[in-house]
Every structure is written in structure tokens, then in C-alpha cells.
Amino acid sequence: MVVMPVVNQAKCNGCGLCIDVCGLKAIVRVGSKVTVIEMEKCSWCIQCEIVCPTGAITCPYEIVFEEHPKTDSRSVLSPIAFL
């Protein structure tokens, strides 16, 4: 299953700010709304989600830090991506 930023078409006002900030051109306008068409190009920078004034774009993942069991006197933190 390919996971990509999701555009809620009901919230999208077609302003195009997300298109402007997507340096990889993974987002395009279709009619009066935008859509993500090139998942392979998406680098998950989340700039489209940040600039969307209506909150229509969401990136369905989050990065959390998980603490690993101690193997010595130090605790190790590593990033884990969850869908």
C-alpha cells in the first residue's frame, strides 16, 4: 500500500499554495482542486500540509522517538515512523 499526503477535496479551496511549495512537483491542480499525483516524487517534507490555509492536506504519518532497552549505562533514542 502506497501512503501519500491526503487532500480532503471538501476542504480544498484550490488556492495552489501547496503547488507553489512542492519543489518536486508532486501536487497538481485538477479542475478547481489540487491532488497528489506523483507519490514517487514526494519527499514527505510536509510543506504542503504546513501552508494549506484550510487544513485540507494531511500527511498520514508521524515520527516518534522510541527508547530502546538499555544495553549499557546510556539510553539510546531512535526515530520510528508510524502510519
PDB file of N, CA and C in Angstrom:
ATOM      1  N   MET A   1       0.840  -1.180   0.000  1.00  0.00           N
ATOM      2  CA  MET A   1       0.000   0.000   0.000  1.00  0.00           C
ATOM      3  C   MET A   1       0.886   1.244   0.000  1.00  0.00           C
ATOM      4  N   VAL A   2       0.623   2.141  -0.909  1.00  0.00           N
ATOM      5  CA  VAL A   2       1.372   3.387  -1.002  1.00  0.00           C
ATOM      6  C   VAL A   2       0.655   4.442  -0.167  1.00  0.00           C
ATOM      7  N   VAL A   3       1.388   5.064   0.729  1.00  0.00           N
ATOM      8  CA  VAL A   3       0.819   6.111   1.569  1.00  0.00           C
ATOM      9  C   VAL A   3       1.349   7.442   1.064  1.00  0.00           C
ATOM     10  N   MET A   4       0.461   8.403   0.917  1.00  0.00           N
ATOM     11  CA  MET A   4       0.871   9.713   0.429  1.00  0.00           C
ATOM     12  C   MET A   4       0.096  10.792   1.168  1.00  0.00           C
ATOM     13  N   PRO A   5       0.506  12.029   1.051  1.00  0.00           N
ATOM     14  CA  PRO A   5      -0.308  13.094   1.624  1.00  0.00           C
ATOM     15  C   PRO A   5      -1.731  13.002   1.076  1.00  0.00           C
ATOM     16  N   VAL A   6      -2.699  13.276   1.933  1.00  0.00           N
ATOM     17  CA  VAL A   6      -4.106  13.161   1.568  1.00  0.00           C
ATOM     18  C   VAL A   6      -4.706  14.556   1.428  1.00  0.00           C
ATOM     19  N   VAL A   7      -5.439  14.767   0.337  1.00  0.00           N
ATOM     20  CA  VAL A   7      -6.121  16.039   0.120  1.00  0.00           C
ATOM     21  C   VAL A   7      -7.611  15.823   0.339  1.00  0.00           C
ATOM     22  N   ASN A   8      -8.164  16.516   1.329  1.00  0.00           N
ATOM     23  CA  ASN A   8      -9.605  16.481   1.575  1.00  0.00           C
ATOM     24  C   ASN A   8     -10.235  17.451   0.586  1.00  0.00           C
ATOM     25  N   GLN A   9     -10.868  16.907  -0.438  1.00  0.00           N
ATOM     26  CA  GLN A   9     -11.415  17.741  -1.511  1.00  0.00           C
ATOM     27  C   GLN A   9     -12.505  18.692  -1.026  1.00  0.00           C
ATOM     28  N   ALA A  10     -13.221  18.317   0.037  1.00  0.00           N
ATOM     29  CA  ALA A  10     -14.268  19.189   0.572  1.00  0.00           C
ATOM     30  C   ALA A  10     -13.671  20.439   1.218  1.00  0.00           C
ATOM     31  N   LYS A  11     -12.460  20.333   1.762  1.00  0.00           N
ATOM     32  CA  LYS A  11     -11.812  21.474   2.409  1.00  0.00           C
ATOM     33  C   LYS A  11     -10.945  22.288   1.453  1.00  0.00           C
ATOM     34  N   CYS A  12     -10.492  21.679   0.357  1.00  0.00           N
ATOM     35  CA  CYS A  12      -9.576  22.347  -0.569  1.00  0.00           C
ATOM     36  C   CYS A  12     -10.274  23.514  -1.268  1.00  0.00           C
ATOM     37  N   ASN A  13      -9.640  24.692  -1.193  1.00  0.00           N
ATOM     38  CA  ASN A  13     -10.199  25.851  -1.883  1.00  0.00           C
ATOM     39  C   ASN A  13      -9.485  26.140  -3.205  1.00  0.00           C
ATOM     40  N   GLY A  14      -8.514  25.285  -3.559  1.00  0.00           N
ATOM     41  CA  GLY A  14      -7.831  25.425  -4.832  1.00  0.00           C
ATOM     42  C   GLY A  14      -6.856  26.586  -4.917  1.00  0.00           C
ATOM     43  N   CYS A  15      -6.418  27.108  -3.773  1.00  0.00           N
ATOM     44  CA  CYS A  15      -5.545  28.297  -3.780  1.00  0.00           C
ATOM     45  C   CYS A  15      -4.186  28.033  -4.440  1.00  0.00           C
ATOM     46  N   GLY A  16      -3.695  26.802  -4.390  1.00  0.00           N
ATOM     47  CA  GLY A  16      -2.442  26.463  -5.057  1.00  0.00           C
ATOM     48  C   GLY A  16      -1.178  26.711  -4.257  1.00  0.00           C
ATOM     49  N   LEU A  17      -1.298  27.127  -2.994  1.00  0.00           N
ATOM     50  CA  LEU A  17      -0.096  27.348  -2.191  1.00  0.00           C
ATOM     51  C   LEU A  17       0.729  26.071  -2.070  1.00  0.00           C
ATOM     52  N   CYS A  18       0.056  24.939  -1.953  1.00  0.00           N
ATOM     53  CA  CYS A  18       0.757  23.657  -1.842  1.00  0.00           C
ATOM     54  C   CYS A  18       1.542  23.354  -3.119  1.00  0.00           C
ATOM     55  N   ILE A  19       0.981  23.710  -4.251  1.00  0.00           N
ATOM     56  CA  ILE A  19       1.669  23.509  -5.528  1.00  0.00           C
ATOM     57  C   ILE A  19       2.932  24.363  -5.568  1.00  0.00           C
ATOM     58  N   ASP A  20       2.825  25.593  -5.089  1.00  0.00           N
ATOM     59  CA  ASP A  20       3.963  26.513  -5.092  1.00  0.00           C
ATOM     60  C   ASP A  20       5.120  26.023  -4.228  1.00  0.00           C
ATOM     61  N   VAL A  21       4.811  25.400  -3.073  1.00  0.00           N
ATOM     62  CA  VAL A  21       5.887  24.979  -2.166  1.00  0.00           C
ATOM     63  C   VAL A  21       6.422  23.590  -2.482  1.00  0.00           C
ATOM     64  N   CYS A  22       5.737  22.843  -3.319  1.00  0.00           N
ATOM     65  CA  CYS A  22       6.192  21.492  -3.653  1.00  0.00           C
ATOM     66  C   CYS A  22       7.276  21.580  -4.722  1.00  0.00           C
ATOM     67  N   GLY A  23       8.507  21.561  -4.271  1.00  0.00           N
ATOM     68  CA  GLY A  23       9.633  21.664  -5.190  1.00  0.00           C
ATOM     69  C   GLY A  23       9.783  20.453  -6.095  1.00  0.00           C
ATOM     70  N   LEU A  24       9.130  19.352  -5.744  1.00  0.00           N
ATOM     71  CA  LEU A  24       9.244  18.125  -6.532  1.00  0.00           C
ATOM     72  C   LEU A  24       8.087  17.948  -7.512  1.00  0.00           C
ATOM     73  N   LYS A  25       7.162  18.910  -7.512  1.00  0.00           N
ATOM     74  CA  LYS A  25       6.011  18.920  -8.431  1.00  0.00           C
ATOM     75  C   LYS A  25       5.157  17.656  -8.325  1.00  0.00           C
ATOM     76  N   ALA A  26       4.942  17.203  -7.079  1.00  0.00           N
ATOM     77  CA  ALA A  26       4.112  16.021  -6.843  1.00  0.00           C
ATOM     78  C   ALA A  26       2.634  16.379  -6.717  1.00  0.00           C
ATOM     79  N   ILE A  27       2.322  17.683  -6.623  1.00  0.00           N
ATOM     80  CA  ILE A  27       0.939  18.145  -6.465  1.00  0.00           C
ATOM     81  C   ILE A  27       0.553  18.971  -7.681  1.00  0.00           C
ATOM     82  N   VAL A  28      -0.644  18.718  -8.187  1.00  0.00           N
ATOM     83  CA  VAL A  28      -1.138  19.466  -9.348  1.00  0.00           C
ATOM     84  C   VAL A  28      -2.580  19.892  -9.120  1.00  0.00           C
ATOM     85  N   ARG A  29      -3.016  20.866  -9.904  1.00  0.00           N
ATOM     86  CA  ARG A  29      -4.413  21.294  -9.871  1.00  0.00           C
ATOM     87  C   ARG A  29      -5.181  20.471 -10.900  1.00  0.00           C
ATOM     88  N   VAL A  30      -6.315  19.953 -10.460  1.00  0.00           N
ATOM     89  CA  VAL A  30      -7.230  19.241 -11.352  1.00  0.00           C
ATOM     90  C   VAL A  30      -8.580  19.939 -11.218  1.00  0.00           C
ATOM     91  N   GLY A  31      -8.947  20.675 -12.233  1.00  0.00           N
ATOM     92  CA  GLY A  31     -10.151  21.492 -12.131  1.00  0.00           C
ATOM     93  C   GLY A  31      -9.902  22.621 -11.142  1.00  0.00           C
ATOM     94  N   SER A  32     -10.749  22.713 -10.122  1.00  0.00           N
ATOM     95  CA  SER A  32     -10.608  23.780  -9.125  1.00  0.00           C
ATOM     96  C   SER A  32      -9.996  23.274  -7.819  1.00  0.00           C
ATOM     97  N   LYS A  33      -9.497  22.049  -7.806  1.00  0.00           N
ATOM     98  CA  LYS A  33      -8.921  21.449  -6.600  1.00  0.00           C
ATOM     99  C   LYS A  33      -7.517  20.938  -6.899  1.00  0.00           C
ATOM    100  N   VAL A  34      -6.783  20.569  -5.844  1.00  0.00           N
ATOM    101  CA  VAL A  34      -5.453  20.009  -6.036  1.00  0.00           C
ATOM    102  C   VAL A  34      -5.463  18.531  -5.653  1.00  0.00           C
ATOM    103  N   THR A  35      -4.482  17.812  -6.169  1.00  0.00           N
ATOM    104  CA  THR A  35      -4.335  16.402  -5.844  1.00  0.00           C
ATOM    105  C   THR A  35      -2.863  16.021  -5.908  1.00  0.00           C
ATOM    106  N   VAL A  36      -2.497  15.000  -5.163  1.00  0.00           N
ATOM    107  CA  VAL A  36      -1.131  14.483  -5.188  1.00  0.00           C
ATOM    108  C   VAL A  36      -1.104  13.404  -6.261  1.00  0.00           C
ATOM    109  N   ILE A  37      -0.256  13.580  -7.275  1.00  0.00           N
ATOM    110  CA  ILE A  37      -0.239  12.605  -8.371  1.00  0.00           C
ATOM    111  C   ILE A  37       1.054  11.814  -8.460  1.00  0.00           C
ATOM    112  N   GLU A  38       2.101  12.319  -7.890  1.00  0.00           N
ATOM    113  CA  GLU A  38       3.405  11.675  -8.041  1.00  0.00           C
ATOM    114  C   GLU A  38       3.970  11.263  -6.686  1.00  0.00           C
ATOM    115  N   MET A  39       3.442  10.180  -6.116  1.00  0.00           N
ATOM    116  CA  MET A  39       3.909   9.727  -4.810  1.00  0.00           C
ATOM    117  C   MET A  39       5.399   9.426  -4.833  1.00  0.00           C
ATOM    118  N   GLU A  40       5.880   8.866  -5.921  1.00  0.00           N
ATOM    119  CA  GLU A  40       7.295   8.518  -6.009  1.00  0.00           C
ATOM    120  C   GLU A  40       8.189   9.747  -5.879  1.00  0.00           C
ATOM    121  N   LYS A  41       7.656  10.901  -6.269  1.00  0.00           N
ATOM    122  CA  LYS A  41       8.425  12.137  -6.184  1.00  0.00           C
ATOM    123  C   LYS A  41       8.360  12.767  -4.792  1.00  0.00           C
ATOM    124  N   CYS A  42       7.322  12.451  -4.013  1.00  0.00           N
ATOM    125  CA  CYS A  42       7.104  13.083  -2.710  1.00  0.00           C
ATOM    126  C   CYS A  42       8.213  12.719  -1.736  1.00  0.00           C
ATOM    127  N   SER A  43       8.798  13.740  -1.110  1.00  0.00           N
ATOM    128  CA  SER A  43       9.886  13.512  -0.152  1.00  0.00           C
ATOM    129  C   SER A  43       9.404  13.632   1.290  1.00  0.00           C
ATOM    130  N   TRP A  44       8.100  13.777   1.499  1.00  0.00           N
ATOM    131  CA  TRP A  44       7.497  13.885   2.829  1.00  0.00           C
ATOM    132  C   TRP A  44       8.042  15.075   3.613  1.00  0.00           C
ATOM    133  N   CYS A  45       8.277  16.180   2.935  1.00  0.00           N
ATOM    134  CA  CYS A  45       8.767  17.383   3.620  1.00  0.00           C
ATOM    135  C   CYS A  45       7.655  18.044   4.435  1.00  0.00           C
ATOM    136  N   ILE A  46       6.431  17.740   4.168  1.00  0.00           N
ATOM    137  CA  ILE A  46       5.178  18.232   4.762  1.00  0.00           C
ATOM    138  C   ILE A  46       4.941  19.731   4.581  1.00  0.00           C
ATOM    139  N   GLN A  47       5.672  20.364   3.678  1.00  0.00           N
ATOM    140  CA  GLN A  47       5.465  21.788   3.428  1.00  0.00           C
ATOM    141  C   GLN A  47       4.053  22.053   2.913  1.00  0.00           C
ATOM    142  N   CYS A  48       3.501  21.132   2.126  1.00  0.00           N
ATOM    143  CA  CYS A  48       2.141  21.313   1.605  1.00  0.00           C
ATOM    144  C   CYS A  48       1.134  21.348   2.752  1.00  0.00           C
ATOM    145  N   GLU A  49       1.329  20.481   3.723  1.00  0.00           N
ATOM    146  CA  GLU A  49       0.436  20.444   4.889  1.00  0.00           C
ATOM    147  C   GLU A  49       0.565  21.736   5.703  1.00  0.00           C
ATOM    148  N   ILE A  50       1.771  22.225   5.853  1.00  0.00           N
ATOM    149  CA  ILE A  50       2.031  23.426   6.655  1.00  0.00           C
ATOM    150  C   ILE A  50       1.394  24.668   6.035  1.00  0.00           C
ATOM    151  N   VAL A  51       1.494  24.829   4.703  1.00  0.00           N
ATOM    152  CA  VAL A  51       0.997  26.064   4.077  1.00  0.00           C
ATOM    153  C   VAL A  51      -0.495  26.046   3.758  1.00  0.00           C
ATOM    154  N   CYS A  52      -1.137  24.905   3.825  1.00  0.00           N
ATOM    155  CA  CYS A  52      -2.554  24.830   3.448  1.00  0.00           C
ATOM    156  C   CYS A  52      -3.414  25.627   4.432  1.00  0.00           C
ATOM    157  N   PRO A  53      -4.049  26.715   3.958  1.00  0.00           N
ATOM    158  CA  PRO A  53      -4.817  27.579   4.861  1.00  0.00           C
ATOM    159  C   PRO A  53      -6.117  26.964   5.356  1.00  0.00           C
ATOM    160  N   THR A  54      -6.608  25.946   4.679  1.00  0.00           N
ATOM    161  CA  THR A  54      -7.878  25.325   5.081  1.00  0.00           C
ATOM    162  C   THR A  54      -7.686  23.999   5.798  1.00  0.00           C
ATOM    163  N   GLY A  55      -6.439  23.545   5.914  1.00  0.00           N
ATOM    164  CA  GLY A  55      -6.190  22.255   6.563  1.00  0.00           C
ATOM    165  C   GLY A  55      -6.631  21.069   5.723  1.00  0.00           C
ATOM    166  N   ALA A  56      -6.676  21.262   4.410  1.00  0.00           N
ATOM    167  CA  ALA A  56      -7.148  20.201   3.522  1.00  0.00           C
ATOM    168  C   ALA A  56      -6.118  19.103   3.293  1.00  0.00           C
ATOM    169  N   ILE A  57      -4.842  19.383   3.544  1.00  0.00           N
ATOM    170  CA  ILE A  57      -3.793  18.395   3.294  1.00  0.00           C
ATOM    171  C   ILE A  57      -3.280  17.849   4.616  1.00  0.00           C
ATOM    172  N   THR A  58      -3.235  16.535   4.695  1.00  0.00           N
ATOM    173  CA  THR A  58      -2.661  15.877   5.866  1.00  0.00           C
ATOM    174  C   THR A  58      -1.685  14.813   5.405  1.00  0.00           C
ATOM    175  N   CYS A  59      -0.640  14.659   6.153  1.00  0.00           N
ATOM    176  CA  CYS A  59       0.345  13.623   5.885  1.00  0.00           C
ATOM    177  C   CYS A  59       0.134  12.533   6.941  1.00  0.00           C
ATOM    178  N   PRO A  60      -0.378  11.382   6.530  1.00  0.00           N
ATOM    179  CA  PRO A  60      -0.806  10.356   7.489  1.00  0.00           C
ATOM    180  C   PRO A  60       0.337   9.549   8.096  1.00  0.00           C
ATOM    181  N   TYR A  61       1.212  10.229   8.759  1.00  0.00           N
ATOM    182  CA  TYR A  61       2.287   9.564   9.478  1.00  0.00           C
ATOM    183  C   TYR A  61       2.781  10.518  10.552  1.00  0.00           C
ATOM    184  N   GLU A  62       3.502   9.986  11.479  1.00  0.00           N
ATOM    185  CA  GLU A  62       4.138  10.820  12.476  1.00  0.00           C
ATOM    186  C   GLU A  62       5.456  10.178  12.848  1.00  0.00           C
ATOM    187  N   ILE A  63       6.377  10.996  13.276  1.00  0.00           N
ATOM    188  CA  ILE A  63       7.674  10.493  13.702  1.00  0.00           C
ATOM    189  C   ILE A  63       7.723  10.582  15.218  1.00  0.00           C
ATOM    190  N   VAL A  64       8.017   9.461  15.834  1.00  0.00           N
ATOM    191  CA  VAL A  64       8.150   9.430  17.292  1.00  0.00           C
ATOM    192  C   VAL A  64       9.514   8.866  17.632  1.00  0.00           C
ATOM    193  N   PHE A  65       9.957   9.142  18.832  1.00  0.00           N
ATOM    194  CA  PHE A  65      11.216   8.590  19.293  1.00  0.00           C
ATOM    195  C   PHE A  65      10.915   7.516  20.316  1.00  0.00           C
ATOM    196  N   GLU A  66      11.474   6.361  20.091  1.00  0.00           N
ATOM    197  CA  GLU A  66      11.250   5.223  20.968  1.00  0.00           C
ATOM    198  C   GLU A  66      12.518   4.946  21.750  1.00  0.00           C
ATOM    199  N   GLU A  67      12.366   4.730  23.022  1.00  0.00           N
ATOM    200  CA  GLU A  67      13.527   4.434  23.846  1.00  0.00           C
ATOM    201  C   GLU A  67      13.773   2.935  23.810  1.00  0.00           C
ATOM    202  N   HIS A  68      14.986   2.562  23.451  1.00  0.00           N
ATOM    203  CA  HIS A  68      15.363   1.155  23.404  1.00  0.00           C
ATOM    204  C   HIS A  68      15.788   0.699  24.799  1.00  0.00           C
ATOM    205  N   PRO A  69      15.639  -0.590  25.067  1.00  0.00           N
ATOM    206  CA  PRO A  69      16.125  -1.094  26.358  1.00  0.00           C
ATOM    207  C   PRO A  69      17.606  -0.771  26.519  1.00  0.00           C
ATOM    208  N   LYS A  70      17.973  -0.468  27.723  1.00  0.00           N
ATOM    209  CA  LYS A  70      19.364  -0.093  27.976  1.00  0.00           C
ATOM    210  C   LYS A  70      20.268  -1.300  27.778  1.00  0.00           C
ATOM    211  N   THR A  71      21.305  -1.072  26.993  1.00  0.00           N
ATOM    212  CA  THR A  71      22.298  -2.122  26.780  1.00  0.00           C
ATOM    213  C   THR A  71      23.567  -1.821  27.563  1.00  0.00           C
ATOM    214  N   ASP A  72      23.672  -0.605  27.995  1.00  0.00           N
ATOM    215  CA  ASP A  72      24.773  -0.207  28.863  1.00  0.00           C
ATOM    216  C   ASP A  72      24.266   0.937  29.732  1.00  0.00           C
ATOM    217  N   SER A  73      25.099   1.799  30.159  1.00  0.00           N
ATOM    218  CA  SER A  73      24.676   2.871  31.053  1.00  0.00           C
ATOM    219  C   SER A  73      23.985   4.010  30.319  1.00  0.00           C
ATOM    220  N   ARG A  74      23.971   3.978  28.978  1.00  0.00           N
ATOM    221  CA  ARG A  74      23.345   5.040  28.198  1.00  0.00           C
ATOM    222  C   ARG A  74      22.019   4.563  27.625  1.00  0.00           C
ATOM    223  N   SER A  75      21.106   5.487  27.460  1.00  0.00           N
ATOM    224  CA  SER A  75      19.828   5.199  26.824  1.00  0.00           C
ATOM    225  C   SER A  75      19.931   5.662  25.373  1.00  0.00           C
ATOM    226  N   VAL A  76      19.427   4.879  24.458  1.00  0.00           N
ATOM    227  CA  VAL A  76      19.519   5.198  23.033  1.00  0.00           C
ATOM    228  C   VAL A  76      18.150   5.551  22.509  1.00  0.00           C
ATOM    229  N   LEU A  77      18.040   6.681  21.823  1.00  0.00           N
ATOM    230  CA  LEU A  77      16.796   7.083  21.181  1.00  0.00           C
ATOM    231  C   LEU A  77      16.949   6.972  19.681  1.00  0.00           C
ATOM    232  N   SER A  78      15.922   6.464  19.026  1.00  0.00           N
ATOM    233  CA  SER A  78      15.981   6.387  17.561  1.00  0.00           C
ATOM    234  C   SER A  78      14.620   6.743  17.004  1.00  0.00           C
ATOM    235  N   PRO A  79      14.587   7.384  15.809  1.00  0.00           N
ATOM    236  CA  PRO A  79      13.313   7.750  15.223  1.00  0.00           C
ATOM    237  C   PRO A  79      12.620   6.524  14.629  1.00  0.00           C
ATOM    238  N   ILE A  80      11.302   6.469  14.814  1.00  0.00           N
ATOM    239  CA  ILE A  80      10.478   5.397  14.259  1.00  0.00           C
ATOM    240  C   ILE A  80       9.311   6.078  13.547  1.00  0.00           C
ATOM    241  N   ALA A  81       9.042   5.717  12.316  1.00  0.00           N
ATOM    242  CA  ALA A  81       7.912   6.295  11.579  1.00  0.00           C
ATOM    243  C   ALA A  81       6.733   5.346  11.686  1.00  0.00           C
ATOM    244  N   PHE A  82       5.561   5.878  12.023  1.00  0.00           N
ATOM    245  CA  PHE A  82       4.345   5.099  12.126  1.00  0.00           C
ATOM    246  C   PHE A  82       3.328   5.609  11.144  1.00  0.00           C
ATOM    247  N   LEU A  83       2.530   4.734  10.623  1.00  0.00           N
ATOM    248  CA  LEU A  83       1.425   5.129   9.739  1.00  0.00           C
ATOM    249  C   LEU A  83       0.170   5.142  10.549  1.00  0.00           C
TER     250      LEU A  83
END
